C-alpha cells in the first residue's frame, strides 16, 4: 500500500533545500499539491516536472509572524485549504560554549525552533478546517544527547521535539496529528564537504526521510501523534 496523498495540499518549509526538495518531490509523486516556502529567493532554474504546478513562495522569513501569515494567506487564496505542513526549514552551526559566540544560540533557536512555531501557528486556522490534517516537524537524532560543539543545535532541536509533543497534546481531540522525524547525518553535498573522509554511505538519504514524512502525512498514520521517529540510516 502506498502513501496516497491525492487531493491533499501540503506546504513544505525550507522547500528549496536538499531535504525540502526531496520531500516536495515525494509528496507530489504521491498525488499531493505542493507549496514550497523558503527564506531564499525562488530558484532560477526550472523545477522538476513533478513540481511544475507547485506554488513557490520565496523570500519568506518564517521567523516573522507577519511573513508567515502572509504566506498562509496566499495558500488560502489559491487552494482554500491546507492538509499538511512539513517544517523542514532549519540550519546547523557548530560552536562550543567556551569559544563560541552566544549569537549562535539565538540563531539556532530562530531558524530551527521559531520558524516551526511561527509557521505552525500561522497554518493552524487552515489546518483546523481540514479533517485529518497533519504537521510534521524535522528534529534531529543529535538532540538526544549533547556533545562538544553541538550545544546550540542540539538544544534547538530538542525544543522542536517538545514543541511536537505539546502541539500533539493540544490538538489530540481535533484529529490534527503532530509528529517529528529525527534524522541522523543527512547525506547532502554540504555534509560531505563538512565531514571529509566519512563513510557517507552510512548516512540517511533525503529521499528516505521524505518517505517517512509522506507516511506520516497519509491516512495510514491516523493513529500516530506526538511521536518522535528516528530515521538514522546506519549511523
C-alpha atoms as a PDB file:
ATOM      1  CA  UNK A   1       0.000   0.000   0.000  1.00  0.00           C
ATOM      2  CA  UNK A   2       1.473   3.351  -0.984  1.00  0.00           C
ATOM      3  CA  UNK A   3       1.175   6.686   0.787  1.00  0.00           C
ATOM      4  CA  UNK A   4      -1.750   8.067  -1.211  1.00  0.00           C
ATOM      5  CA  UNK A   5      -1.905  11.855  -0.844  1.00  0.00           C
ATOM      6  CA  UNK A   6      -4.276  12.508  -3.731  1.00  0.00           C
ATOM      7  CA  UNK A   7      -6.247  15.708  -3.222  1.00  0.00           C
ATOM      8  CA  UNK A   8      -4.035  16.842  -0.335  1.00  0.00           C
ATOM      9  CA  UNK A   9      -2.441  20.292  -0.195  1.00  0.00           C
ATOM     10  CA  UNK A  10       0.943  20.113   1.526  1.00  0.00           C
ATOM     11  CA  UNK A  11       3.218  23.053   2.423  1.00  0.00           C
ATOM     12  CA  UNK A  12       6.937  22.365   2.844  1.00  0.00           C
ATOM     13  CA  UNK A  13       9.079  24.993   4.556  1.00  0.00           C
ATOM     14  CA  UNK A  14      12.763  25.073   3.666  1.00  0.00           C
ATOM     15  CA  UNK A  15      11.464  23.798   0.361  1.00  0.00           C
ATOM     16  CA  UNK A  16      14.450  24.838  -1.742  1.00  0.00           C
ATOM     17  CA  UNK A  17      16.984  22.808   0.277  1.00  0.00           C
ATOM     18  CA  UNK A  18      18.002  19.184  -0.158  1.00  0.00           C
ATOM     19  CA  UNK A  19      15.536  17.652   2.300  1.00  0.00           C
ATOM     20  CA  UNK A  20      12.787  20.131   1.473  1.00  0.00           C
ATOM     21  CA  UNK A  21      13.018  19.433  -2.251  1.00  0.00           C
ATOM     22  CA  UNK A  22      13.170  15.660  -1.703  1.00  0.00           C
ATOM     23  CA  UNK A  23      10.070  15.924   0.490  1.00  0.00           C
ATOM     24  CA  UNK A  24       8.230  18.058  -2.048  1.00  0.00           C
ATOM     25  CA  UNK A  25       9.005  15.626  -4.872  1.00  0.00           C
ATOM     26  CA  UNK A  26       7.966  12.616  -2.807  1.00  0.00           C
ATOM     27  CA  UNK A  27       4.618  14.033  -1.710  1.00  0.00           C
ATOM     28  CA  UNK A  28       3.937  15.350  -5.226  1.00  0.00           C
ATOM     29  CA  UNK A  29       4.568  11.877  -6.621  1.00  0.00           C
ATOM     30  CA  UNK A  30       2.074  10.585  -4.018  1.00  0.00           C
ATOM     31  CA  UNK A  31      -0.566  12.859  -5.548  1.00  0.00           C
ATOM     32  CA  UNK A  32      -0.378  15.984  -3.378  1.00  0.00           C
ATOM     33  CA  UNK A  33      -0.481  19.590  -4.486  1.00  0.00           C
ATOM     34  CA  UNK A  34       2.701  21.158  -3.097  1.00  0.00           C
ATOM     35  CA  UNK A  35       3.637  24.581  -1.757  1.00  0.00           C
ATOM     36  CA  UNK A  36       7.352  25.366  -1.447  1.00  0.00           C
ATOM     37  CA  UNK A  37       8.189  28.036   1.140  1.00  0.00           C
ATOM     38  CA  UNK A  38      11.731  29.257   1.751  1.00  0.00           C
ATOM     39  CA  UNK A  39      13.640  32.261   3.024  1.00  0.00           C
ATOM     40  CA  UNK A  40      15.815  32.156  -0.087  1.00  0.00           C
ATOM     41  CA  UNK A  41      14.744  33.638  -3.393  1.00  0.00           C
ATOM     42  CA  UNK A  42      12.866  31.311  -5.698  1.00  0.00           C
ATOM     43  CA  UNK A  43      15.209  29.035  -7.690  1.00  0.00           C
ATOM     44  CA  UNK A  44      16.269  30.475 -11.015  1.00  0.00           C
ATOM     45  CA  UNK A  45      16.425  27.019 -12.588  1.00  0.00           C
ATOM     46  CA  UNK A  46      13.358  25.112 -13.695  1.00  0.00           C
ATOM     47  CA  UNK A  47      11.736  22.917 -11.054  1.00  0.00           C
ATOM     48  CA  UNK A  48      11.446  19.157 -11.636  1.00  0.00           C
ATOM     49  CA  UNK A  49       8.451  18.114 -13.726  1.00  0.00           C
ATOM     50  CA  UNK A  50       6.579  16.752 -10.707  1.00  0.00           C
ATOM     51  CA  UNK A  51       6.594  20.262  -9.227  1.00  0.00           C
ATOM     52  CA  UNK A  52       5.586  22.327 -12.261  1.00  0.00           C
ATOM     53  CA  UNK A  53       2.228  23.102 -10.628  1.00  0.00           C
ATOM     54  CA  UNK A  54       3.701  23.858  -7.194  1.00  0.00           C
ATOM     55  CA  UNK A  55       3.079  27.216  -5.548  1.00  0.00           C
ATOM     56  CA  UNK A  56       6.535  28.700  -4.944  1.00  0.00           C
ATOM     57  CA  UNK A  57       6.896  31.271  -2.170  1.00  0.00           C
ATOM     58  CA  UNK A  58      10.456  32.557  -1.905  1.00  0.00           C
ATOM     59  CA  UNK A  59      11.931  35.231   0.337  1.00  0.00           C
ATOM     60  CA  UNK A  60       9.647  34.307   3.263  1.00  0.00           C
ATOM     61  CA  UNK A  61      11.170  34.837   6.724  1.00  0.00           C
ATOM     62  CA  UNK A  62       9.188  32.243   8.653  1.00  0.00           C
ATOM     63  CA  UNK A  63      10.550  33.536  11.951  1.00  0.00           C
ATOM     64  CA  UNK A  64       8.379  36.596  11.273  1.00  0.00           C
ATOM     65  CA  UNK A  65       4.757  36.136  12.299  1.00  0.00           C
ATOM     66  CA  UNK A  66       3.609  38.645   9.698  1.00  0.00           C
ATOM     67  CA  UNK A  67       5.520  36.936   6.886  1.00  0.00           C
ATOM     68  CA  UNK A  68       4.180  33.525   7.910  1.00  0.00           C
ATOM     69  CA  UNK A  69       0.603  34.843   7.978  1.00  0.00           C
ATOM     70  CA  UNK A  70       1.055  36.372   4.532  1.00  0.00           C
ATOM     71  CA  UNK A  71       2.325  33.058   3.147  1.00  0.00           C
ATOM     72  CA  UNK A  72      -0.686  31.243   4.569  1.00  0.00           C
ATOM     73  CA  UNK A  73      -2.999  33.905   3.125  1.00  0.00           C
ATOM     74  CA  UNK A  74      -1.527  33.230  -0.328  1.00  0.00           C
ATOM     75  CA  UNK A  75      -2.110  29.499   0.172  1.00  0.00           C
ATOM     76  CA  UNK A  76      -5.702  30.128   1.260  1.00  0.00           C
ATOM     77  CA  UNK A  77      -6.321  32.381  -1.736  1.00  0.00           C
ATOM     78  CA  UNK A  78      -5.031  29.770  -4.201  1.00  0.00           C
ATOM     79  CA  UNK A  79      -6.225  26.496  -2.659  1.00  0.00           C
ATOM     80  CA  UNK A  80      -8.748  27.414   0.030  1.00  0.00           C
ATOM     81  CA  UNK A  81      -7.375  24.839   2.452  1.00  0.00           C
ATOM     82  CA  UNK A  82      -4.253  23.144   3.754  1.00  0.00           C
ATOM     83  CA  UNK A  83      -3.961  19.429   4.515  1.00  0.00           C
ATOM     84  CA  UNK A  84      -0.451  19.319   5.925  1.00  0.00           C
ATOM     85  CA  UNK A  85       2.573  21.355   6.946  1.00  0.00           C
ATOM     86  CA  UNK A  86       6.112  19.974   6.917  1.00  0.00           C
ATOM     87  CA  UNK A  87       8.525  22.153   8.896  1.00  0.00           C
ATOM     88  CA  UNK A  88      11.858  21.425   7.232  1.00  0.00           C
ATOM     89  CA  UNK A  89      13.323  24.955   7.491  1.00  0.00           C
ATOM     90  CA  UNK A  90      16.451  24.996   9.637  1.00  0.00           C
ATOM     91  CA  UNK A  91      20.228  25.125   9.709  1.00  0.00           C
ATOM     92  CA  UNK A  92      23.293  23.831  11.568  1.00  0.00           C
ATOM     93  CA  UNK A  93      26.099  25.658  13.349  1.00  0.00           C
ATOM     94  CA  UNK A  94      28.919  24.106  15.349  1.00  0.00           C
ATOM     95  CA  UNK A  95      30.012  26.126  18.395  1.00  0.00           C
ATOM     96  CA  UNK A  96      31.465  25.271  21.787  1.00  0.00           C
ATOM     97  CA  UNK A  97      30.236  27.110  24.863  1.00  0.00           C
ATOM     98  CA  UNK A  98      33.723  28.285  25.833  1.00  0.00           C
ATOM     99  CA  UNK A  99      34.880  29.589  22.467  1.00  0.00           C
ATOM    100  CA  UNK A 100      31.647  30.043  20.575  1.00  0.00           C
ATOM    101  CA  UNK A 101      29.595  33.164  20.010  1.00  0.00           C
ATOM    102  CA  UNK A 102      26.391  33.440  22.023  1.00  0.00           C
ATOM    103  CA  UNK A 103      24.683  34.744  18.900  1.00  0.00           C
ATOM    104  CA  UNK A 104      24.912  31.196  17.560  1.00  0.00           C
ATOM    105  CA  UNK A 105      22.398  30.118  20.197  1.00  0.00           C
ATOM    106  CA  UNK A 106      19.978  32.851  19.162  1.00  0.00           C
ATOM    107  CA  UNK A 107      20.407  31.924  15.508  1.00  0.00           C
ATOM    108  CA  UNK A 108      19.838  28.196  16.065  1.00  0.00           C
ATOM    109  CA  UNK A 109      16.676  28.794  18.055  1.00  0.00           C
ATOM    110  CA  UNK A 110      15.440  31.273  15.463  1.00  0.00           C
ATOM    111  CA  UNK A 111      15.891  29.086  12.391  1.00  0.00           C
ATOM    112  CA  UNK A 112      15.219  25.668  13.932  1.00  0.00           C
ATOM    113  CA  UNK A 113      12.541  26.342  16.541  1.00  0.00           C
ATOM    114  CA  UNK A 114      10.930  29.715  15.902  1.00  0.00           C
ATOM    115  CA  UNK A 115      10.288  29.023  12.216  1.00  0.00           C
ATOM    116  CA  UNK A 116       8.446  25.818  13.167  1.00  0.00           C
ATOM    117  CA  UNK A 117       6.414  27.554  15.882  1.00  0.00           C
ATOM    118  CA  UNK A 118       5.547  30.552  13.712  1.00  0.00           C
ATOM    119  CA  UNK A 119       4.693  28.535  10.598  1.00  0.00           C
ATOM    120  CA  UNK A 120       2.562  26.121  12.631  1.00  0.00           C
ATOM    121  CA  UNK A 121       0.704  28.922  14.390  1.00  0.00           C
ATOM    122  CA  UNK A 122       0.015  30.713  11.098  1.00  0.00           C
ATOM    123  CA  UNK A 123      -1.146  27.472   9.461  1.00  0.00           C
ATOM    124  CA  UNK A 124      -3.417  26.305  12.277  1.00  0.00           C
ATOM    125  CA  UNK A 125      -6.596  28.077  11.083  1.00  0.00           C
ATOM    126  CA  UNK A 126      -6.257  26.399   7.668  1.00  0.00           C
ATOM    127  CA  UNK A 127      -5.277  23.028   9.133  1.00  0.00           C
ATOM    128  CA  UNK A 128      -8.060  23.082  11.720  1.00  0.00           C
ATOM    129  CA  UNK A 129     -10.611  23.394   8.916  1.00  0.00           C
ATOM    130  CA  UNK A 130      -9.318  20.230   7.229  1.00  0.00           C
ATOM    131  CA  UNK A 131     -10.258  16.787   8.548  1.00  0.00           C
ATOM    132  CA  UNK A 132      -7.215  14.638   9.220  1.00  0.00           C
ATOM    133  CA  UNK A 133      -4.709  17.477   8.915  1.00  0.00           C
ATOM    134  CA  UNK A 134      -1.030  16.914   9.672  1.00  0.00           C
ATOM    135  CA  UNK A 135       2.042  18.723  10.950  1.00  0.00           C
ATOM    136  CA  UNK A 136       5.414  17.001  10.559  1.00  0.00           C
ATOM    137  CA  UNK A 137       8.477  18.618  12.129  1.00  0.00           C
ATOM    138  CA  UNK A 138      12.119  17.866  11.456  1.00  0.00           C
ATOM    139  CA  UNK A 139      14.000  17.272  14.690  1.00  0.00           C
ATOM    140  CA  UNK A 140      17.397  15.593  14.974  1.00  0.00           C
ATOM    141  CA  UNK A 141      18.891  12.476  16.465  1.00  0.00           C
ATOM    142  CA  UNK A 142      21.687  14.722  17.734  1.00  0.00           C
ATOM    143  CA  UNK A 143      19.201  16.342  20.125  1.00  0.00           C
ATOM    144  CA  UNK A 144      19.094  13.189  22.254  1.00  0.00           C
ATOM    145  CA  UNK A 145      22.470  13.895  23.866  1.00  0.00           C
ATOM    146  CA  UNK A 146      24.698  16.942  23.898  1.00  0.00           C
ATOM    147  CA  UNK A 147      28.274  16.847  22.651  1.00  0.00           C
ATOM    148  CA  UNK A 148      31.128  19.363  22.348  1.00  0.00           C
ATOM    149  CA  UNK A 149      30.226  21.997  19.771  1.00  0.00           C
ATOM    150  CA  UNK A 150      26.707  20.625  19.394  1.00  0.00           C
ATOM    151  CA  UNK A 151      25.071  22.559  22.232  1.00  0.00           C
ATOM    152  CA  UNK A 152      23.184  25.244  20.256  1.00  0.00           C
ATOM    153  CA  UNK A 153      21.981  22.844  17.576  1.00  0.00           C
ATOM    154  CA  UNK A 154      21.048  20.034  19.977  1.00  0.00           C
ATOM    155  CA  UNK A 155      19.215  22.421  22.298  1.00  0.00           C
ATOM    156  CA  UNK A 156      17.188  23.964  19.470  1.00  0.00           C
ATOM    157  CA  UNK A 157      16.262  20.579  18.015  1.00  0.00           C
ATOM    158  CA  UNK A 158      15.371  19.273  21.474  1.00  0.00           C
ATOM    159  CA  UNK A 159      12.992  22.214  21.677  1.00  0.00           C
ATOM    160  CA  UNK A 160      11.440  21.105  18.367  1.00  0.00           C
ATOM    161  CA  UNK A 161      10.734  17.733  19.978  1.00  0.00           C
ATOM    162  CA  UNK A 162       8.994  19.397  22.926  1.00  0.00           C
ATOM    163  CA  UNK A 163       7.026  21.616  20.516  1.00  0.00           C
ATOM    164  CA  UNK A 164       5.895  18.491  18.674  1.00  0.00           C
ATOM    165  CA  UNK A 165       4.693  16.826  21.860  1.00  0.00           C
ATOM    166  CA  UNK A 166       2.966  19.963  23.130  1.00  0.00           C
ATOM    167  CA  UNK A 167       1.127  20.590  19.844  1.00  0.00           C
ATOM    168  CA  UNK A 168       0.118  16.945  19.607  1.00  0.00           C
ATOM    169  CA  UNK A 169      -1.485  17.134  23.057  1.00  0.00           C
ATOM    170  CA  UNK A 170      -3.082  20.495  22.310  1.00  0.00           C
ATOM    171  CA  UNK A 171      -4.879  19.130  19.243  1.00  0.00           C
ATOM    172  CA  UNK A 172      -5.322  15.480  20.229  1.00  0.00           C
ATOM    173  CA  UNK A 173      -9.118  15.736  20.247  1.00  0.00           C
ATOM    174  CA  UNK A 174      -9.344  17.597  16.943  1.00  0.00           C
ATOM    175  CA  UNK A 175      -7.882  14.960  14.627  1.00  0.00           C
ATOM    176  CA  UNK A 176      -4.858  17.099  13.741  1.00  0.00           C
ATOM    177  CA  UNK A 177      -1.773  14.946  14.261  1.00  0.00           C
ATOM    178  CA  UNK A 178       1.685  16.341  15.003  1.00  0.00           C
ATOM    179  CA  UNK A 179       4.809  14.216  14.720  1.00  0.00           C
ATOM    180  CA  UNK A 180       8.529  14.681  14.213  1.00  0.00           C
ATOM    181  CA  UNK A 181      11.176  12.847  12.243  1.00  0.00           C
ATOM    182  CA  UNK A 182      14.641  12.687  13.815  1.00  0.00           C
ATOM    183  CA  UNK A 183      17.343  12.174  11.163  1.00  0.00           C
ATOM    184  CA  UNK A 184      20.957  11.328  11.881  1.00  0.00           C
ATOM    185  CA  UNK A 185      23.507  12.807   9.468  1.00  0.00           C
ATOM    186  CA  UNK A 186      21.744  13.532   6.184  1.00  0.00           C
ATOM    187  CA  UNK A 187      23.633  12.692   3.006  1.00  0.00           C
ATOM    188  CA  UNK A 188      23.878  16.131   1.405  1.00  0.00           C
ATOM    189  CA  UNK A 189      26.668  17.841  -0.570  1.00  0.00           C
ATOM    190  CA  UNK A 190      27.216  20.253   2.329  1.00  0.00           C
ATOM    191  CA  UNK A 191      27.642  17.466   4.878  1.00  0.00           C
ATOM    192  CA  UNK A 192      30.005  15.596   2.585  1.00  0.00           C
ATOM    193  CA  UNK A 193      32.102  18.759   2.275  1.00  0.00           C
ATOM    194  CA  UNK A 194      31.989  19.473   6.031  1.00  0.00           C
ATOM    195  CA  UNK A 195      32.891  15.897   7.051  1.00  0.00           C
ATOM    196  CA  UNK A 196      35.517  14.786   4.509  1.00  0.00           C
ATOM    197  CA  UNK A 197      36.622  11.175   4.705  1.00  0.00           C
ATOM    198  CA  UNK A 198      33.434   9.984   6.418  1.00  0.00           C
ATOM    199  CA  UNK A 199      31.578   6.965   5.078  1.00  0.00           C
ATOM    200  CA  UNK A 200      28.574   8.797   3.650  1.00  0.00           C
ATOM    201  CA  UNK A 201      27.024   5.504   2.573  1.00  0.00           C
ATOM    202  CA  UNK A 202      26.002   5.029   6.202  1.00  0.00           C
ATOM    203  CA  UNK A 203      24.154   8.344   6.377  1.00  0.00           C
ATOM    204  CA  UNK A 204      20.453   8.682   5.707  1.00  0.00           C
ATOM    205  CA  UNK A 205      19.448   9.975   2.289  1.00  0.00           C
ATOM    206  CA  UNK A 206      16.927  12.836   1.965  1.00  0.00           C
ATOM    207  CA  UNK A 207      14.665  10.605  -0.120  1.00  0.00           C
ATOM    208  CA  UNK A 208      14.489   8.013   2.683  1.00  0.00           C
ATOM    209  CA  UNK A 209      13.458  10.685   5.198  1.00  0.00           C
ATOM    210  CA  UNK A 210      10.906  12.011   2.713  1.00  0.00           C
ATOM    211  CA  UNK A 211       9.259   8.580   2.509  1.00  0.00           C
ATOM    212  CA  UNK A 212       8.747   8.568   6.286  1.00  0.00           C
ATOM    213  CA  UNK A 213       7.310  12.091   6.098  1.00  0.00           C
ATOM    214  CA  UNK A 214       4.920  11.008   3.331  1.00  0.00           C
ATOM    215  CA  UNK A 215       3.742   8.120   5.503  1.00  0.00           C
ATOM    216  CA  UNK A 216       3.068  10.479   8.422  1.00  0.00           C
ATOM    217  CA  UNK A 217       1.076  12.748   6.092  1.00  0.00           C
ATOM    218  CA  UNK A 218      -1.062   9.866   4.849  1.00  0.00           C
ATOM    219  CA  UNK A 219      -4.192   8.236   6.261  1.00  0.00           C
ATOM    220  CA  UNK A 220      -2.053   5.244   7.179  1.00  0.00           C
ATOM    221  CA  UNK A 221      -0.695   7.300  10.089  1.00  0.00           C
ATOM    222  CA  UNK A 222      -4.080   8.322  11.523  1.00  0.00           C
ATOM    223  CA  UNK A 223      -3.295   6.664  14.872  1.00  0.00           C
ATOM    224  CA  UNK A 224       0.123   8.311  15.321  1.00  0.00           C
ATOM    225  CA  UNK A 225       0.561  11.662  17.063  1.00  0.00           C
ATOM    226  CA  UNK A 226       3.217  13.061  19.368  1.00  0.00           C
ATOM    227  CA  UNK A 227       5.766  10.575  18.018  1.00  0.00           C
ATOM    228  CA  UNK A 228       9.476  11.308  17.616  1.00  0.00           C
ATOM    229  CA  UNK A 229      10.630   8.884  14.943  1.00  0.00           C
ATOM    230  CA  UNK A 230      14.353   8.131  14.480  1.00  0.00           C
ATOM    231  CA  UNK A 231      15.497   7.850  10.858  1.00  0.00           C
ATOM    232  CA  UNK A 232      19.181   7.114  11.283  1.00  0.00           C
ATOM    233  CA  UNK A 233      20.269   5.103   8.243  1.00  0.00           C
ATOM    234  CA  UNK A 234      23.260   3.090   9.522  1.00  0.00           C
ATOM    235  CA  UNK A 235      24.789   5.791  11.698  1.00  0.00           C
END
